[in-house]
Protein backbone atom coordinates (compact mmCIF):
# COMPACT_ATOMS: atom_id res chain seq x y z
CA MET A 1 15.08 -16.66 6.73
CA LYS A 2 14.92 -19.44 3.91
CA TYR A 3 11.29 -19.47 4.35
CA ALA A 4 10.72 -15.75 4.27
CA ALA A 5 13.14 -15.52 0.83
CA LEU A 6 10.80 -18.47 -0.35
CA LEU A 7 7.40 -16.28 0.58
CA VAL A 8 8.92 -12.92 -1.38
CA VAL A 9 9.48 -15.38 -4.34
CA ALA A 10 6.08 -16.35 -4.14
CA PHE A 11 4.73 -13.09 -3.52
CA GLY A 12 6.66 -11.85 -6.48
CA ALA A 13 5.04 -14.53 -8.74
CA ILE A 14 1.58 -13.55 -7.25
CA LEU A 15 2.21 -10.11 -8.31
CA VAL A 16 3.15 -11.01 -11.94
CA ALA A 17 0.14 -12.71 -12.13
CA LEU A 18 -1.97 -10.08 -10.69
CA ALA A 19 -0.32 -7.51 -12.87
CA ALA A 20 -1.05 -9.49 -16.01
CA GLY A 21 -4.50 -8.92 -15.22
CA LEU A 22 -4.24 -5.15 -15.16
CA ARG A 23 -5.53 -3.45 -18.16
CA PRO A 24 -2.43 -2.68 -20.56
CA ASP A 25 -3.96 0.48 -21.80
CA ALA A 26 -5.38 2.44 -19.04
CA PHE A 27 -5.29 3.07 -15.53
CA PHE A 28 -8.07 3.31 -12.67
CA VAL A 29 -7.05 6.45 -11.44
CA GLY A 30 -5.63 9.84 -12.65
CA ASP A 31 -2.40 10.28 -10.75
CA PRO A 32 -0.48 7.77 -12.54
CA GLY A 33 -1.44 9.18 -15.96
CA ILE A 34 0.54 12.37 -14.67
CA LYS A 35 3.63 10.14 -14.24
CA LEU A 36 2.90 8.40 -17.48
CA LEU A 37 2.82 11.28 -19.29
CA ALA A 38 6.10 12.62 -17.79
CA ALA A 39 7.96 9.09 -18.52
CA LYS A 40 6.60 9.09 -22.25
CA ASN A 41 7.83 12.83 -22.51
CA ALA A 42 11.33 11.28 -21.06
CA ILE A 43 11.41 8.60 -23.96
CA ALA A 44 10.45 10.93 -26.72
CA ARG A 45 12.85 13.73 -25.94
CA PRO A 46 15.61 12.32 -24.00
CA ASP A 47 17.16 15.61 -24.44
CA GLN A 48 15.17 17.47 -22.38
CA PRO A 49 13.08 14.65 -20.73
CA LEU A 50 11.17 16.70 -17.83
CA ASP A 51 10.13 19.71 -20.10
CA ILE A 52 6.69 18.50 -21.28
CA PRO A 53 5.48 20.70 -24.45
CA LEU A 54 2.53 22.54 -24.09
CA PRO A 55 -0.63 21.63 -26.04
CA ILE A 56 -0.63 23.30 -29.56
CA ILE A 57 -4.11 24.26 -31.52
CA GLY A 58 -3.26 25.79 -34.59
CA PRO A 59 -0.31 27.71 -34.44
CA VAL A 60 -0.75 28.55 -30.76
CA ARG A 61 0.58 26.94 -27.63
CA LEU A 62 -1.95 26.81 -24.82
CA PRO A 63 -0.65 27.42 -21.53
CA TYR A 64 -4.33 25.67 -20.08
CA VAL A 65 -3.46 22.43 -18.40
CA GLU A 66 -4.26 20.32 -15.62
CA PRO A 67 -3.33 21.69 -12.14
CA PHE A 68 -0.75 18.65 -11.92
CA PHE A 69 1.70 20.37 -14.25
CA GLU A 70 3.65 23.79 -13.67
CA VAL A 71 3.70 26.05 -16.72
CA HIS A 72 6.80 27.90 -18.02
CA ALA A 73 6.99 29.80 -21.09
CA ASP A 74 6.80 27.19 -23.91
CA HIS A 75 6.48 23.85 -21.56
CA ALA A 76 5.39 22.30 -18.59
CA HIS A 77 6.70 20.24 -15.67
CA ALA A 78 4.72 17.53 -14.24
CA VAL A 79 4.37 18.08 -10.41
CA THR A 80 5.50 14.98 -9.56
CA THR A 81 8.70 13.49 -8.31
CA GLU A 82 11.18 13.49 -11.44
CA LEU A 83 13.17 10.28 -10.50
CA PHE A 84 10.34 8.08 -10.76
CA PRO A 85 8.91 8.57 -14.07
CA LEU A 86 12.54 8.83 -15.55
CA VAL A 87 13.58 5.64 -14.22
CA SER A 88 10.29 3.87 -15.21
CA ALA A 89 10.84 5.14 -19.00
CA HIS A 90 13.06 2.77 -19.69
CA PHE A 91 10.74 0.08 -18.68
CA ILE A 92 8.16 1.56 -20.34
CA ARG A 93 10.14 1.67 -23.40
CA TRP A 94 11.05 -1.88 -23.50
CA TRP A 95 7.78 -3.43 -22.30
CA GLY A 96 5.20 -0.69 -22.96
CA LEU A 97 2.44 -0.12 -20.29
CA ARG A 98 3.19 -3.15 -18.54
CA GLY A 99 6.84 -1.66 -17.86
CA ALA A 100 5.23 0.98 -15.69
CA TYR A 101 4.45 -1.77 -13.00
CA VAL A 102 8.29 -2.78 -12.56
CA LEU A 103 9.23 -0.15 -10.25
CA PRO A 104 6.29 -0.61 -7.98
CA ALA A 105 6.29 -4.36 -8.08
CA LEU A 106 10.08 -4.02 -6.87
CA GLY A 107 9.01 -1.86 -4.41
CA PHE A 108 6.33 -4.22 -2.85
CA LEU A 109 9.25 -6.88 -2.76
CA GLY A 110 11.86 -4.87 -1.36
CA THR A 111 9.12 -3.50 1.27
CA LEU A 112 8.55 -7.28 2.46
CA VAL A 113 12.14 -7.72 2.77
CA GLY A 114 12.86 -4.70 4.71
CA CYS A 115 9.93 -5.29 6.83
CA ALA A 116 11.39 -8.77 7.86
CA TRP A 117 14.89 -7.23 7.98
CA LEU A 118 13.69 -4.63 10.58
CA ALA A 119 11.71 -7.05 12.57
CA VAL A 120 14.74 -9.25 13.09
CA ALA A 121 17.10 -6.39 13.69
CA LEU A 122 14.87 -5.07 16.44
CA ASP A 123 14.43 -8.74 17.99
CA ARG A 124 16.03 -11.73 16.65
CA ARG A 125 13.11 -13.64 18.30
CA ARG A 126 10.79 -12.61 15.62
CA ASN A 127 10.08 -14.91 12.57
CA PRO A 128 10.96 -13.20 9.18
CA ALA A 129 8.41 -15.46 7.34
CA LEU A 130 5.65 -14.50 9.60
CA VAL A 131 6.67 -10.77 9.05
CA VAL A 132 6.75 -11.36 5.23
CA LEU A 133 3.24 -12.91 5.39
CA ILE A 134 1.81 -9.91 7.50
CA ALA A 135 3.15 -7.30 5.53
CA ALA A 136 2.01 -8.79 2.54
CA LEU A 137 -1.39 -9.91 3.53
CA GLY A 138 -2.33 -7.32 6.15
CA THR A 139 -1.12 -3.92 4.64
CA PRO A 140 -1.92 -2.05 1.43
CA PHE A 141 1.65 -2.66 0.34
CA LEU A 142 0.50 -5.24 -2.38
CA PHE A 143 -1.94 -2.80 -3.61
CA TYR A 144 0.68 0.05 -4.35
CA GLY A 145 2.84 -2.57 -5.94
CA LEU A 146 0.01 -2.69 -8.50
CA GLU A 147 -0.15 1.00 -9.12
CA PHE A 148 2.12 3.14 -10.91
CA TRP A 149 2.73 5.34 -8.23
CA GLU A 150 6.17 5.99 -6.31
CA HIS A 151 4.62 4.92 -3.16
CA ALA A 152 6.04 1.19 -2.98
CA PRO A 153 9.42 2.10 -4.15
CA ALA A 154 9.75 5.04 -1.26
CA VAL A 155 8.37 2.51 1.38
CA ALA A 156 10.92 0.19 0.46
CA LEU A 157 13.68 2.70 0.42
CA ALA A 158 12.31 4.14 4.00
CA VAL A 159 11.96 0.46 5.53
CA ASN A 160 15.38 -0.88 4.37
CA ALA A 161 16.96 2.28 5.15
CA THR A 162 15.56 2.17 8.94
CA ALA A 163 16.70 -1.84 9.06
CA MET A 164 20.15 -0.38 7.88
CA PHE A 165 20.28 2.30 10.54
CA ILE A 166 19.15 -0.13 13.31
CA THR A 167 21.76 -2.63 11.90
CA ALA A 168 24.21 0.07 12.03
CA ILE A 169 23.75 1.16 15.85
CA ARG A 170 23.17 -2.51 17.06
CA GLY A 171 26.30 -3.43 19.59
CA HIS A 172 28.72 -1.00 20.80
CA ARG A 173 29.82 0.66 17.68
CA VAL A 174 28.44 1.91 14.90
CA ARG A 175 28.81 0.51 11.48
CA ALA A 176 30.08 3.23 9.02
CA LEU A 177 28.87 1.50 5.74
CA TRP A 178 25.30 0.59 7.10
CA ALA A 179 25.05 3.96 8.61
CA LEU A 180 26.06 5.54 5.11
CA GLY A 181 23.54 3.28 3.20
CA ALA A 182 21.15 4.21 5.46
CA GLY A 183 21.64 7.74 4.63
CA ILE A 184 21.74 7.19 0.92
CA ALA A 185 18.51 5.11 0.98
CA PHE A 186 16.56 7.86 3.21
CA GLY A 187 18.07 10.43 0.72
């Protein structure tokens, strides 16, 4: 387990180095831009964090926006998960656009931990350090840890919830706290 923990820390350092090389003023794909608009709106309008004002030309509000927005009478909502931009807004407020990568990076590291935990929970003979290496280098998890998407945190929650569930049902009785934790993480 010690080597697995060291590998997670090492991949955390690698992730920081890779993220430092990303452009601090742009994304390479458009989807994160929608989430960034929602996060910036949450920063600018904490009283109405999900209500994005419609564009205004002259005195007229225009209801013509990207299809990624659901238009209401005088505002729009980004068609994305609400929690991810709302939580990310704090990191963006503190560290600028670089803060957008905090949750995905934590999701990547959480996924590595969850994969090792799940592997050992299913079969104690498995080497958690080897599982961390395979999960980090043989999957797209690292890529998603460097994108402003909710994919990495979602995978981290799912794999850790699965490991909690397996831990809960191991043996002859269900451990209620692990089962409850699994249900909360899945939720």
